Amino acid sequence: MTTATTTELRRDKRVIVYAWIALTASTLVAWRLTPGHTDASGLDTGLITGVVVLGLIKCRLIIRYFMEVRHAPLWLRITTDAWLAVIWIALLAIYLY
């Protein structure tokens, strides 16, 4: 192995660990925002939107960093991002309707 390859592997591992930390943190935030853990009596539109946006971010992190799409061709990265946007916007629209 060359030093460039070793450096890239080290950087990839570090990025995956950061992605895992972000996923764990966003899971904890979404869990704390659920109606059973807040003082709000009813469901707030902002709260629902926040949880859905956290879900979108989590899905994107999983697809990019744990399904190795970050090394895929540009067309595949754009397609997965567009697919996620359509799915999550539709989910939010259905839930808020």
PDB file of N, CA and C in Angstrom:
ATOM      1  N   MET A   1       0.822  -1.176   0.000  1.00  0.00           N
ATOM      2  CA  MET A   1       0.000   0.000   0.000  1.00  0.00           C
ATOM      3  C   MET A   1       0.872   1.247   0.000  1.00  0.00           C
ATOM      4  N   THR A   2       0.445   2.196  -0.742  1.00  0.00           N
ATOM      5  CA  THR A   2       1.168   3.458  -0.748  1.00  0.00           C
ATOM      6  C   THR A   2       0.648   4.352   0.365  1.00  0.00           C
ATOM      7  N   THR A   3       1.363   5.415   0.624  1.00  0.00           N
ATOM      8  CA  THR A   3       0.915   6.327   1.681  1.00  0.00           C
ATOM      9  C   THR A   3      -0.359   7.060   1.282  1.00  0.00           C
ATOM     10  N   ALA A   4      -0.548   7.297  -0.020  1.00  0.00           N
ATOM     11  CA  ALA A   4      -1.776   7.952  -0.478  1.00  0.00           C
ATOM     12  C   ALA A   4      -2.985   7.051  -0.216  1.00  0.00           C
ATOM     13  N   THR A   5      -2.838   5.767  -0.488  1.00  0.00           N
ATOM     14  CA  THR A   5      -3.920   4.821  -0.253  1.00  0.00           C
ATOM     15  C   THR A   5      -4.202   4.700   1.238  1.00  0.00           C
ATOM     16  N   THR A   6      -3.166   4.647   2.038  1.00  0.00           N
ATOM     17  CA  THR A   6      -3.336   4.567   3.480  1.00  0.00           C
ATOM     18  C   THR A   6      -4.030   5.815   4.005  1.00  0.00           C
ATOM     19  N   THR A   7      -3.639   6.961   3.505  1.00  0.00           N
ATOM     20  CA  THR A   7      -4.268   8.208   3.931  1.00  0.00           C
ATOM     21  C   THR A   7      -5.735   8.245   3.528  1.00  0.00           C
ATOM     22  N   GLU A   8      -6.051   7.789   2.309  1.00  0.00           N
ATOM     23  CA  GLU A   8      -7.441   7.760   1.860  1.00  0.00           C
ATOM     24  C   GLU A   8      -8.276   6.815   2.707  1.00  0.00           C
ATOM     25  N   LEU A   9      -7.729   5.655   3.049  1.00  0.00           N
ATOM     26  CA  LEU A   9      -8.458   4.699   3.887  1.00  0.00           C
ATOM     27  C   LEU A   9      -8.712   5.275   5.272  1.00  0.00           C
ATOM     28  N   ARG A  10      -7.723   5.936   5.805  1.00  0.00           N
ATOM     29  CA  ARG A  10      -7.875   6.551   7.115  1.00  0.00           C
ATOM     30  C   ARG A  10      -8.957   7.640   7.077  1.00  0.00           C
ATOM     31  N   ARG A  11      -8.930   8.439   6.006  1.00  0.00           N
ATOM     32  CA  ARG A  11      -9.918   9.489   5.859  1.00  0.00           C
ATOM     33  C   ARG A  11     -11.318   8.903   5.685  1.00  0.00           C
ATOM     34  N   ASP A  12     -11.445   7.832   4.885  1.00  0.00           N
ATOM     35  CA  ASP A  12     -12.745   7.186   4.692  1.00  0.00           C
ATOM     36  C   ASP A  12     -13.296   6.644   6.007  1.00  0.00           C
ATOM     37  N   LYS A  13     -12.431   6.019   6.804  1.00  0.00           N
ATOM     38  CA  LYS A  13     -12.875   5.496   8.099  1.00  0.00           C
ATOM     39  C   LYS A  13     -13.327   6.629   9.007  1.00  0.00           C
ATOM     40  N   ARG A  14     -12.601   7.728   8.987  1.00  0.00           N
ATOM     41  CA  ARG A  14     -12.956   8.871   9.816  1.00  0.00           C
ATOM     42  C   ARG A  14     -14.309   9.445   9.381  1.00  0.00           C
ATOM     43  N   VAL A  15     -14.521   9.557   8.087  1.00  0.00           N
ATOM     44  CA  VAL A  15     -15.787  10.091   7.577  1.00  0.00           C
ATOM     45  C   VAL A  15     -16.944   9.177   7.955  1.00  0.00           C
ATOM     46  N   ILE A  16     -16.743   7.870   7.885  1.00  0.00           N
ATOM     47  CA  ILE A  16     -17.795   6.923   8.251  1.00  0.00           C
ATOM     48  C   ILE A  16     -18.116   7.033   9.740  1.00  0.00           C
ATOM     49  N   VAL A  17     -17.105   7.206  10.554  1.00  0.00           N
ATOM     50  CA  VAL A  17     -17.344   7.379  11.991  1.00  0.00           C
ATOM     51  C   VAL A  17     -18.125   8.665  12.244  1.00  0.00           C
ATOM     52  N   TYR A  18     -17.782   9.754  11.562  1.00  0.00           N
ATOM     53  CA  TYR A  18     -18.523  11.005  11.705  1.00  0.00           C
ATOM     54  C   TYR A  18     -19.968  10.841  11.250  1.00  0.00           C
ATOM     55  N   ALA A  19     -20.178  10.113  10.169  1.00  0.00           N
ATOM     56  CA  ALA A  19     -21.544   9.862   9.689  1.00  0.00           C
ATOM     57  C   ALA A  19     -22.325   9.051  10.720  1.00  0.00           C
ATOM     58  N   TRP A  20     -21.690   8.068  11.321  1.00  0.00           N
ATOM     59  CA  TRP A  20     -22.335   7.253  12.348  1.00  0.00           C
ATOM     60  C   TRP A  20     -22.698   8.106  13.561  1.00  0.00           C
ATOM     61  N   ILE A  21     -21.811   9.003  13.964  1.00  0.00           N
ATOM     62  CA  ILE A  21     -22.090   9.899  15.094  1.00  0.00           C
ATOM     63  C   ILE A  21     -23.273  10.812  14.754  1.00  0.00           C
ATOM     64  N   ALA A  22     -23.305  11.335  13.532  1.00  0.00           N
ATOM     65  CA  ALA A  22     -24.417  12.190  13.114  1.00  0.00           C
ATOM     66  C   ALA A  22     -25.727  11.406  13.092  1.00  0.00           C
ATOM     67  N   LEU A  23     -25.696  10.165  12.640  1.00  0.00           N
ATOM     68  CA  LEU A  23     -26.902   9.333  12.636  1.00  0.00           C
ATOM     69  C   LEU A  23     -27.392   9.067  14.052  1.00  0.00           C
ATOM     70  N   THR A  24     -26.481   8.774  14.945  1.00  0.00           N
ATOM     71  CA  THR A  24     -26.858   8.519  16.333  1.00  0.00           C
ATOM     72  C   THR A  24     -27.442   9.776  16.972  1.00  0.00           C
ATOM     73  N   ALA A  25     -26.796  10.902  16.750  1.00  0.00           N
ATOM     74  CA  ALA A  25     -27.290  12.162  17.321  1.00  0.00           C
ATOM     75  C   ALA A  25     -28.660  12.527  16.769  1.00  0.00           C
ATOM     76  N   SER A  26     -28.850  12.373  15.462  1.00  0.00           N
ATOM     77  CA  SER A  26     -30.153  12.721  14.878  1.00  0.00           C
ATOM     78  C   SER A  26     -31.241  11.760  15.344  1.00  0.00           C
ATOM     79  N   THR A  27     -30.904  10.509  15.596  1.00  0.00           N
ATOM     80  CA  THR A  27     -31.873   9.562  16.138  1.00  0.00           C
ATOM     81  C   THR A  27     -32.307   9.991  17.534  1.00  0.00           C
ATOM     82  N   LEU A  28     -31.347  10.391  18.343  1.00  0.00           N
ATOM     83  CA  LEU A  28     -31.672  10.842  19.693  1.00  0.00           C
ATOM     84  C   LEU A  28     -32.505  12.125  19.674  1.00  0.00           C
ATOM     85  N   VAL A  29     -32.179  13.045  18.778  1.00  0.00           N
ATOM     86  CA  VAL A  29     -32.951  14.293  18.662  1.00  0.00           C
ATOM     87  C   VAL A  29     -34.377  13.975  18.214  1.00  0.00           C
ATOM     88  N   ALA A  30     -34.539  13.126  17.206  1.00  0.00           N
ATOM     89  CA  ALA A  30     -35.882  12.769  16.731  1.00  0.00           C
ATOM     90  C   ALA A  30     -36.671  12.067  17.828  1.00  0.00           C
ATOM     91  N   TRP A  31     -36.011  11.234  18.594  1.00  0.00           N
ATOM     92  CA  TRP A  31     -36.682  10.531  19.688  1.00  0.00           C
ATOM     93  C   TRP A  31     -37.161  11.513  20.753  1.00  0.00           C
ATOM     94  N   ARG A  32     -36.338  12.502  21.057  1.00  0.00           N
ATOM     95  CA  ARG A  32     -36.713  13.509  22.059  1.00  0.00           C
ATOM     96  C   ARG A  32     -37.833  14.424  21.547  1.00  0.00           C
ATOM     97  N   LEU A  33     -37.943  14.591  20.234  1.00  0.00           N
ATOM     98  CA  LEU A  33     -38.975  15.465  19.668  1.00  0.00           C
ATOM     99  C   LEU A  33     -40.335  14.793  19.538  1.00  0.00           C
ATOM    100  N   THR A  34     -40.404  13.502  19.736  1.00  0.00           N
ATOM    101  CA  THR A  34     -41.685  12.811  19.581  1.00  0.00           C
ATOM    102  C   THR A  34     -42.665  13.287  20.636  1.00  0.00           C
ATOM    103  N   PRO A  35     -43.955  13.227  20.344  1.00  0.00           N
ATOM    104  CA  PRO A  35     -44.961  13.777  21.257  1.00  0.00           C
ATOM    105  C   PRO A  35     -44.916  13.200  22.671  1.00  0.00           C
ATOM    106  N   GLY A  36     -44.492  11.990  22.847  1.00  0.00           N
ATOM    107  CA  GLY A  36     -44.435  11.399  24.179  1.00  0.00           C
ATOM    108  C   GLY A  36     -43.341  11.991  25.054  1.00  0.00           C
ATOM    109  N   HIS A  37     -42.372  12.680  24.449  1.00  0.00           N
ATOM    110  CA  HIS A  37     -41.253  13.224  25.211  1.00  0.00           C
ATOM    111  C   HIS A  37     -41.257  14.746  25.303  1.00  0.00           C
ATOM    112  N   THR A  38     -42.247  15.393  24.711  1.00  0.00           N
ATOM    113  CA  THR A  38     -42.322  16.847  24.774  1.00  0.00           C
ATOM    114  C   THR A  38     -43.538  17.248  25.595  1.00  0.00           C
ATOM    115  N   ASP A  39     -43.586  18.491  25.973  1.00  0.00           N
ATOM    116  CA  ASP A  39     -44.709  18.992  26.756  1.00  0.00           C
ATOM    117  C   ASP A  39     -45.885  19.432  25.892  1.00  0.00           C
ATOM    118  N   ALA A  40     -45.718  19.394  24.576  1.00  0.00           N
ATOM    119  CA  ALA A  40     -46.777  19.845  23.675  1.00  0.00           C
ATOM    120  C   ALA A  40     -47.960  18.890  23.739  1.00  0.00           C
ATOM    121  N   SER A  41     -49.148  19.451  23.806  1.00  0.00           N
ATOM    122  CA  SER A  41     -50.339  18.605  23.884  1.00  0.00           C
ATOM    123  C   SER A  41     -50.767  18.082  22.518  1.00  0.00           C
ATOM    124  N   GLY A  42     -50.562  18.875  21.482  1.00  0.00           N
ATOM    125  CA  GLY A  42     -50.936  18.462  20.133  1.00  0.00           C
ATOM    126  C   GLY A  42     -49.710  18.371  19.243  1.00  0.00           C
ATOM    127  N   LEU A  43     -49.913  17.864  18.060  1.00  0.00           N
ATOM    128  CA  LEU A  43     -48.803  17.759  17.126  1.00  0.00           C
ATOM    129  C   LEU A  43     -48.614  19.087  16.413  1.00  0.00           C
ATOM    130  N   ASP A  44     -47.424  19.594  16.464  1.00  0.00           N
ATOM    131  CA  ASP A  44     -47.078  20.859  15.843  1.00  0.00           C
ATOM    132  C   ASP A  44     -46.546  20.589  14.439  1.00  0.00           C
ATOM    133  N   THR A  45     -46.939  21.415  13.473  1.00  0.00           N
ATOM    134  CA  THR A  45     -46.477  21.242  12.095  1.00  0.00           C
ATOM    135  C   THR A  45     -44.963  21.387  12.004  1.00  0.00           C
ATOM    136  N   GLY A  46     -44.404  22.326  12.741  1.00  0.00           N
ATOM    137  CA  GLY A  46     -42.950  22.499  12.744  1.00  0.00           C
ATOM    138  C   GLY A  46     -42.236  21.298  13.310  1.00  0.00           C
ATOM    139  N   LEU A  47     -42.810  20.703  14.337  1.00  0.00           N
ATOM    140  CA  LEU A  47     -42.230  19.507  14.947  1.00  0.00           C
ATOM    141  C   LEU A  47     -42.243  18.338  13.965  1.00  0.00           C
ATOM    142  N   ILE A  48     -43.373  18.168  13.296  1.00  0.00           N
ATOM    143  CA  ILE A  48     -43.491  17.086  12.306  1.00  0.00           C
ATOM    144  C   ILE A  48     -42.500  17.304  11.172  1.00  0.00           C
ATOM    145  N   THR A  49     -42.418  18.536  10.695  1.00  0.00           N
ATOM    146  CA  THR A  49     -41.486  18.848   9.619  1.00  0.00           C
ATOM    147  C   THR A  49     -40.051  18.597  10.058  1.00  0.00           C
ATOM    148  N   GLY A  50     -39.713  18.956  11.277  1.00  0.00           N
ATOM    149  CA  GLY A  50     -38.364  18.718  11.788  1.00  0.00           C
ATOM    150  C   GLY A  50     -38.007  17.245  11.842  1.00  0.00           C
ATOM    151  N   VAL A  51     -38.933  16.420  12.304  1.00  0.00           N
ATOM    152  CA  VAL A  51     -38.677  14.985  12.376  1.00  0.00           C
ATOM    153  C   VAL A  51     -38.538  14.391  10.976  1.00  0.00           C
ATOM    154  N   VAL A  52     -39.359  14.847  10.034  1.00  0.00           N
ATOM    155  CA  VAL A  52     -39.269  14.350   8.656  1.00  0.00           C
ATOM    156  C   VAL A  52     -37.946  14.774   8.019  1.00  0.00           C
ATOM    157  N   VAL A  53     -37.523  16.011   8.267  1.00  0.00           N
ATOM    158  CA  VAL A  53     -36.244  16.470   7.719  1.00  0.00           C
ATOM    159  C   VAL A  53     -35.094  15.668   8.323  1.00  0.00           C
ATOM    160  N   LEU A  54     -35.164  15.365   9.621  1.00  0.00           N
ATOM    161  CA  LEU A  54     -34.136  14.513  10.227  1.00  0.00           C
ATOM    162  C   LEU A  54     -34.116  13.128   9.570  1.00  0.00           C
ATOM    163  N   GLY A  55     -35.294  12.593   9.262  1.00  0.00           N
ATOM    164  CA  GLY A  55     -35.360  11.303   8.570  1.00  0.00           C
ATOM    165  C   GLY A  55     -34.729  11.366   7.190  1.00  0.00           C
ATOM    166  N   LEU A  56     -34.979  12.466   6.475  1.00  0.00           N
ATOM    167  CA  LEU A  56     -34.368  12.658   5.154  1.00  0.00           C
ATOM    168  C   LEU A  56     -32.847  12.698   5.259  1.00  0.00           C
ATOM    169  N   ILE A  57     -32.347  13.445   6.223  1.00  0.00           N
ATOM    170  CA  ILE A  57     -30.897  13.545   6.406  1.00  0.00           C
ATOM    171  C   ILE A  57     -30.303  12.185   6.764  1.00  0.00           C
ATOM    172  N   LYS A  58     -30.987  11.458   7.630  1.00  0.00           N
ATOM    173  CA  LYS A  58     -30.482  10.141   8.013  1.00  0.00           C
ATOM    174  C   LYS A  58     -30.437   9.187   6.814  1.00  0.00           C
ATOM    175  N   CYS A  59     -31.483   9.207   6.003  1.00  0.00           N
ATOM    176  CA  CYS A  59     -31.495   8.347   4.811  1.00  0.00           C
ATOM    177  C   CYS A  59     -30.367   8.711   3.854  1.00  0.00           C
ATOM    178  N   ARG A  60     -30.142   9.993   3.681  1.00  0.00           N
ATOM    179  CA  ARG A  60     -29.072  10.429   2.779  1.00  0.00           C
ATOM    180  C   ARG A  60     -27.709   9.997   3.311  1.00  0.00           C
ATOM    181  N   LEU A  61     -27.490  10.129   4.604  1.00  0.00           N
ATOM    182  CA  LEU A  61     -26.214   9.685   5.184  1.00  0.00           C
ATOM    183  C   LEU A  61     -26.020   8.179   5.017  1.00  0.00           C
ATOM    184  N   ILE A  62     -27.075   7.423   5.235  1.00  0.00           N
ATOM    185  CA  ILE A  62     -26.972   5.966   5.087  1.00  0.00           C
ATOM    186  C   ILE A  62     -26.664   5.592   3.649  1.00  0.00           C
ATOM    187  N   ILE A  63     -27.379   6.196   2.711  1.00  0.00           N
ATOM    188  CA  ILE A  63     -27.146   5.864   1.302  1.00  0.00           C
ATOM    189  C   ILE A  63     -25.751   6.290   0.873  1.00  0.00           C
ATOM    190  N   ARG A  64     -25.347   7.497   1.244  1.00  0.00           N
ATOM    191  CA  ARG A  64     -24.038   7.993   0.812  1.00  0.00           C
ATOM    192  C   ARG A  64     -22.874   7.236   1.439  1.00  0.00           C
ATOM    193  N   TYR A  65     -22.905   7.046   2.749  1.00  0.00           N
ATOM    194  CA  TYR A  65     -21.720   6.559   3.436  1.00  0.00           C
ATOM    195  C   TYR A  65     -21.725   5.072   3.749  1.00  0.00           C
ATOM    196  N   PHE A  66     -22.883   4.458   3.881  1.00  0.00           N
ATOM    197  CA  PHE A  66     -22.913   3.046   4.220  1.00  0.00           C
ATOM    198  C   PHE A  66     -23.319   2.158   3.053  1.00  0.00           C
ATOM    199  N   MET A  67     -23.792   2.759   1.963  1.00  0.00           N
ATOM    200  CA  MET A  67     -24.084   2.003   0.747  1.00  0.00           C
ATOM    201  C   MET A  67     -23.092   2.373  -0.344  1.00  0.00           C
ATOM    202  N   GLU A  68     -22.059   3.126   0.038  1.00  0.00           N
ATOM    203  CA  GLU A  68     -20.932   3.491  -0.827  1.00  0.00           C
ATOM    204  C   GLU A  68     -21.333   4.268  -2.085  1.00  0.00           C
ATOM    205  N   VAL A  69     -22.402   5.033  -2.014  1.00  0.00           N
ATOM    206  CA  VAL A  69     -22.810   5.830  -3.165  1.00  0.00           C
ATOM    207  C   VAL A  69     -21.891   7.040  -3.340  1.00  0.00           C
ATOM    208  N   ARG A  70     -21.167   7.412  -2.304  1.00  0.00           N
ATOM    209  CA  ARG A  70     -20.271   8.572  -2.431  1.00  0.00           C
ATOM    210  C   ARG A  70     -19.157   8.325  -3.434  1.00  0.00           C
ATOM    211  N   HIS A  71     -18.846   7.060  -3.731  1.00  0.00           N
ATOM    212  CA  HIS A  71     -17.836   6.719  -4.731  1.00  0.00           C
ATOM    213  C   HIS A  71     -18.456   6.354  -6.084  1.00  0.00           C
ATOM    214  N   ALA A  72     -19.782   6.461  -6.176  1.00  0.00           N
ATOM    215  CA  ALA A  72     -20.498   6.089  -7.400  1.00  0.00           C
ATOM    216  C   ALA A  72     -20.419   7.227  -8.414  1.00  0.00           C
ATOM    217  N   PRO A  73     -20.806   6.947  -9.646  1.00  0.00           N
ATOM    218  CA  PRO A  73     -20.843   8.008 -10.667  1.00  0.00           C
ATOM    219  C   PRO A  73     -21.810   9.121 -10.273  1.00  0.00           C
ATOM    220  N   LEU A  74     -21.578  10.290 -10.838  1.00  0.00           N
ATOM    221  CA  LEU A  74     -22.376  11.474 -10.516  1.00  0.00           C
ATOM    222  C   LEU A  74     -23.857  11.255 -10.791  1.00  0.00           C
ATOM    223  N   TRP A  75     -24.199  10.583 -11.884  1.00  0.00           N
ATOM    224  CA  TRP A  75     -25.604  10.384 -12.223  1.00  0.00           C
ATOM    225  C   TRP A  75     -26.322   9.576 -11.138  1.00  0.00           C
ATOM    226  N   LEU A  76     -25.637   8.625 -10.524  1.00  0.00           N
ATOM    227  CA  LEU A  76     -26.257   7.816  -9.479  1.00  0.00           C
ATOM    228  C   LEU A  76     -26.434   8.625  -8.193  1.00  0.00           C
ATOM    229  N   ARG A  77     -25.471   9.459  -7.872  1.00  0.00           N
ATOM    230  CA  ARG A  77     -25.598  10.309  -6.690  1.00  0.00           C
ATOM    231  C   ARG A  77     -26.759  11.286  -6.848  1.00  0.00           C
ATOM    232  N   ILE A  78     -26.890  11.891  -8.024  1.00  0.00           N
ATOM    233  CA  ILE A  78     -27.985  12.825  -8.280  1.00  0.00           C
ATOM    234  C   ILE A  78     -29.326  12.092  -8.253  1.00  0.00           C
ATOM    235  N   THR A  79     -29.379  10.914  -8.839  1.00  0.00           N
ATOM    236  CA  THR A  79     -30.615  10.131  -8.865  1.00  0.00           C
ATOM    237  C   THR A  79     -31.059   9.739  -7.464  1.00  0.00           C
ATOM    238  N   THR A  80     -30.135   9.295  -6.626  1.00  0.00           N
ATOM    239  CA  THR A  80     -30.527   8.915  -5.268  1.00  0.00           C
ATOM    240  C   THR A  80     -30.984  10.127  -4.464  1.00  0.00           C
ATOM    241  N   ASP A  81     -30.338  11.266  -4.647  1.00  0.00           N
ATOM    242  CA  ASP A  81     -30.766  12.482  -3.954  1.00  0.00           C
ATOM    243  C   ASP A  81     -32.151  12.921  -4.415  1.00  0.00           C
ATOM    244  N   ALA A  82     -32.407  12.855  -5.713  1.00  0.00           N
ATOM    245  CA  ALA A  82     -33.719  13.231  -6.241  1.00  0.00           C
ATOM    246  C   ALA A  82     -34.796  12.261  -5.748  1.00  0.00           C
ATOM    247  N   TRP A  83     -34.488  10.979  -5.728  1.00  0.00           N
ATOM    248  CA  TRP A  83     -35.430   9.967  -5.249  1.00  0.00           C
ATOM    249  C   TRP A  83     -35.770  10.221  -3.780  1.00  0.00           C
ATOM    250  N   LEU A  84     -34.756  10.510  -2.975  1.00  0.00           N
ATOM    251  CA  LEU A  84     -34.999  10.799  -1.565  1.00  0.00           C
ATOM    252  C   LEU A  84     -35.871  12.035  -1.397  1.00  0.00           C
ATOM    253  N   ALA A  85     -35.591  13.073  -2.160  1.00  0.00           N
ATOM    254  CA  ALA A  85     -36.373  14.301  -2.057  1.00  0.00           C
ATOM    255  C   ALA A  85     -37.835  14.035  -2.407  1.00  0.00           C
ATOM    256  N   VAL A  86     -38.091  13.312  -3.477  1.00  0.00           N
ATOM    257  CA  VAL A  86     -39.472  13.020  -3.887  1.00  0.00           C
ATOM    258  C   VAL A  86     -40.189  12.194  -2.822  1.00  0.00           C
ATOM    259  N   ILE A  87     -39.545  11.161  -2.329  1.00  0.00           N
ATOM    260  CA  ILE A  87     -40.167  10.285  -1.332  1.00  0.00           C
ATOM    261  C   ILE A  87     -40.482  11.045  -0.050  1.00  0.00           C
ATOM    262  N   TRP A  88     -39.517  11.798   0.459  1.00  0.00           N
ATOM    263  CA  TRP A  88     -39.721  12.480   1.733  1.00  0.00           C
ATOM    264  C   TRP A  88     -40.672  13.664   1.614  1.00  0.00           C
ATOM    265  N   ILE A  89     -40.667  14.370   0.496  1.00  0.00           N
ATOM    266  CA  ILE A  89     -41.635  15.450   0.306  1.00  0.00           C
ATOM    267  C   ILE A  89     -43.044  14.871   0.199  1.00  0.00           C
ATOM    268  N   ALA A  90     -43.178  13.756  -0.504  1.00  0.00           N
ATOM    269  CA  ALA A  90     -44.490  13.099  -0.601  1.00  0.00           C
ATOM    270  C   ALA A  90     -44.950  12.624   0.777  1.00  0.00           C
ATOM    271  N   LEU A  91     -44.057  12.068   1.563  1.00  0.00           N
ATOM    272  CA  LEU A  91     -44.402  11.610   2.907  1.00  0.00           C
ATOM    273  C   LEU A  91     -44.856  12.775   3.776  1.00  0.00           C
ATOM    274  N   LEU A  92     -44.146  13.871   3.716  1.00  0.00           N
ATOM    275  CA  LEU A  92     -44.522  15.045   4.495  1.00  0.00           C
ATOM    276  C   LEU A  92     -45.858  15.607   4.018  1.00  0.00           C
ATOM    277  N   ALA A  93     -46.063  15.662   2.714  1.00  0.00           N
ATOM    278  CA  ALA A  93     -47.327  16.181   2.179  1.00  0.00           C
ATOM    279  C   ALA A  93     -48.505  15.293   2.603  1.00  0.00           C
ATOM    280  N   ILE A  94     -48.327  13.988   2.549  1.00  0.00           N
ATOM    281  CA  ILE A  94     -49.399  13.064   2.962  1.00  0.00           C
ATOM    282  C   ILE A  94     -49.680  13.226   4.442  1.00  0.00           C
ATOM    283  N   TYR A  95     -48.639  13.338   5.238  1.00  0.00           N
ATOM    284  CA  TYR A  95     -48.838  13.428   6.683  1.00  0.00           C
ATOM    285  C   TYR A  95     -49.497  14.752   7.082  1.00  0.00           C
ATOM    286  N   LEU A  96     -49.114  15.845   6.440  1.00  0.00           N
ATOM    287  CA  LEU A  96     -49.673  17.142   6.786  1.00  0.00           C
ATOM    288  C   LEU A  96     -51.051  17.379   6.171  1.00  0.00           C
ATOM    289  N   TYR A  97     -51.404  16.613   5.143  1.00  0.00           N
ATOM    290  CA  TYR A  97     -52.693  16.779   4.488  1.00  0.00           C
ATOM    291  C   TYR A  97     -53.771  16.257   5.384  1.00  0.00           C
TER     292      TYR A  97
END
